[in-house]
Amino acid sequence: MLPAFAAALAGAVLVVSMGACGGDDFESPPPKPCNEDPWVCGSGQTCWVNQAGTGFECLNAGPGAEGAACDLTIGAVACQAGLFCNTAHVCGRFCDSQDPEKACPEGLMCAAVGIQNPETLAIIGDVELCVP
């Protein structure tokens, strides 16, 4: 009789504790935008300024290889996957100043570059890029 009572009690405690957990209390934070984590973009994509010029999104990559001349055009990707048009107007790598595995190649430094909408002059946000 005691084992049956203990099993019923354990089942009741489990139901009560699961009911008290509520799904909204433990929601994960929203994902970072791609300018903060450009490695979230899928294969064949790169993080670029969105069509509205108000933020960043993963878009299909453009033709420019690393080191190719480029212009940052809103919504029109100039650089290949994993690259962004840097301050020297060449397609360069993204980097992460806090992660040694995502550091720049020798001779370049990782710097936060402020991206501005050329039409409205509004600051869109920062991107960490390998720059000379």
Protein backbone atom coordinates (compact mmCIF):
# COMPACT_ATOMS: atom_id res chain seq x y z
CA MET A 1 0.00 0.00 0.00
CA LEU A 2 2.83 2.42 0.85
CA PRO A 3 4.58 2.07 -2.56
CA ALA A 4 1.30 2.83 -4.41
CA PHE A 5 0.73 5.92 -2.23
CA ALA A 6 4.31 7.12 -2.82
CA ALA A 7 3.93 6.70 -6.59
CA ALA A 8 0.65 8.65 -6.59
CA LEU A 9 2.21 11.41 -4.48
CA ALA A 10 5.22 11.65 -6.81
CA GLY A 11 2.88 11.96 -9.79
CA ALA A 12 0.90 14.71 -8.06
CA VAL A 13 4.07 16.65 -7.21
CA LEU A 14 5.28 16.35 -10.79
CA VAL A 15 2.01 17.71 -12.17
CA VAL A 16 2.00 20.61 -9.71
CA SER A 17 5.60 21.55 -10.39
CA MET A 18 5.14 21.40 -14.17
CA GLY A 19 2.01 23.55 -13.96
CA ALA A 20 3.88 26.18 -11.96
CA CYS A 21 6.68 26.56 -14.52
CA GLY A 22 4.78 28.61 -17.11
CA GLY A 23 6.31 28.92 -20.56
CA ASP A 24 6.83 32.69 -20.55
CA ASP A 25 9.17 32.84 -17.56
CA PHE A 26 12.08 31.19 -19.35
CA GLU A 27 11.97 32.61 -22.87
CA SER A 28 15.36 32.80 -24.51
CA PRO A 29 16.57 36.24 -25.49
CA PRO A 30 16.00 37.26 -29.10
CA PRO A 31 18.86 36.41 -31.45
CA LYS A 32 21.49 39.09 -31.99
CA PRO A 33 21.23 41.03 -35.24
CA CYS A 34 23.76 39.90 -37.82
CA ASN A 35 25.92 43.01 -37.43
CA GLU A 36 26.65 41.74 -33.89
CA ASP A 37 27.06 38.12 -35.02
CA PRO A 38 27.62 37.95 -38.78
CA TRP A 39 28.37 34.22 -38.57
CA VAL A 40 24.63 33.52 -38.16
CA CYS A 41 24.12 34.16 -41.87
CA GLY A 42 23.57 31.05 -43.95
CA SER A 43 25.71 29.65 -46.71
CA GLY A 44 25.93 32.03 -49.65
CA GLN A 45 24.85 35.01 -47.54
CA THR A 46 26.50 37.90 -45.78
CA CYS A 47 25.34 40.50 -43.28
CA TRP A 48 24.46 43.73 -45.10
CA VAL A 49 22.40 46.89 -44.65
CA ASN A 50 18.71 46.11 -45.24
CA GLN A 51 16.65 47.62 -48.06
CA ALA A 52 15.12 50.22 -45.72
CA GLY A 53 18.56 51.38 -44.56
CA THR A 54 17.52 51.02 -40.93
CA GLY A 55 19.36 47.89 -39.83
CA PHE A 56 21.19 44.78 -40.94
CA GLU A 57 20.05 41.43 -42.27
CA CYS A 58 21.49 38.34 -43.89
CA LEU A 59 21.22 38.80 -47.65
CA ASN A 60 22.38 36.77 -50.62
CA ALA A 61 26.06 37.47 -51.20
CA GLY A 62 27.36 39.66 -54.01
CA PRO A 63 30.22 39.20 -56.47
CA GLY A 64 33.11 40.99 -54.71
CA ALA A 65 35.89 38.73 -53.45
CA GLU A 66 38.05 39.67 -50.47
CA GLY A 67 40.11 42.71 -51.44
CA ALA A 68 37.82 43.72 -54.33
CA ALA A 69 36.74 47.35 -54.62
CA CYS A 70 33.22 48.00 -53.30
CA ASP A 71 30.71 50.61 -52.27
CA LEU A 72 28.28 50.16 -49.43
CA THR A 73 24.92 50.40 -51.18
CA ILE A 74 21.77 49.92 -49.15
CA GLY A 75 20.10 46.62 -50.00
CA ALA A 76 22.53 45.86 -52.87
CA VAL A 77 25.21 43.48 -51.64
CA ALA A 78 28.63 44.07 -53.18
CA CYS A 79 30.71 41.44 -51.36
CA GLN A 80 30.84 37.65 -51.22
CA ALA A 81 29.62 35.55 -48.29
CA GLY A 82 31.17 36.52 -44.98
CA LEU A 83 32.52 39.85 -46.27
CA PHE A 84 31.50 43.49 -45.85
CA CYS A 85 32.57 46.71 -47.56
CA ASN A 86 35.08 48.22 -45.13
CA THR A 87 36.33 51.79 -44.64
CA ALA A 88 38.95 51.35 -47.38
CA HIS A 89 36.11 50.51 -49.82
CA VAL A 90 37.27 46.94 -50.27
CA CYS A 91 35.47 43.73 -49.37
CA GLY A 92 36.93 42.61 -46.07
CA ARG A 93 36.30 40.05 -43.36
CA PHE A 94 34.13 40.35 -40.33
CA CYS A 95 35.97 39.86 -37.05
CA ASP A 96 35.26 39.65 -33.33
CA SER A 97 37.62 41.55 -31.05
CA GLN A 98 36.59 39.31 -28.12
CA ASP A 99 37.12 35.95 -29.87
CA PRO A 100 40.66 34.93 -30.92
CA GLU A 101 39.22 32.36 -33.33
CA LYS A 102 37.56 35.20 -35.27
CA ALA A 103 40.59 37.50 -35.32
CA CYS A 104 41.91 39.28 -38.41
CA PRO A 105 44.79 38.01 -40.52
CA GLU A 106 48.24 39.40 -39.75
CA GLY A 107 48.63 43.03 -40.81
CA LEU A 108 44.98 43.92 -40.21
CA MET A 109 43.21 44.98 -37.03
CA CYS A 110 39.68 44.35 -35.85
CA ALA A 111 37.79 47.60 -35.45
CA ALA A 112 34.19 48.60 -34.85
CA VAL A 113 33.08 50.61 -37.86
CA GLY A 114 30.00 52.80 -37.61
CA ILE A 115 27.71 52.40 -40.61
CA GLN A 116 25.66 55.42 -41.64
CA ASN A 117 22.74 55.64 -44.04
CA PRO A 118 24.12 57.85 -46.84
CA GLU A 119 20.67 59.22 -47.67
CA THR A 120 19.37 60.09 -44.20
CA LEU A 121 22.77 60.31 -42.45
CA ALA A 122 21.27 58.25 -39.61
CA ILE A 123 23.61 55.84 -37.83
CA ILE A 124 22.50 52.29 -38.63
CA GLY A 125 24.88 50.52 -36.25
CA ASP A 126 28.39 49.15 -35.84
CA VAL A 127 30.07 46.24 -37.56
CA GLU A 128 33.41 44.75 -36.50
CA LEU A 129 35.64 44.51 -39.56
CA CYS A 130 39.25 43.76 -40.40
CA VAL A 131 40.78 47.07 -41.49
CA PRO A 132 44.29 48.14 -42.55
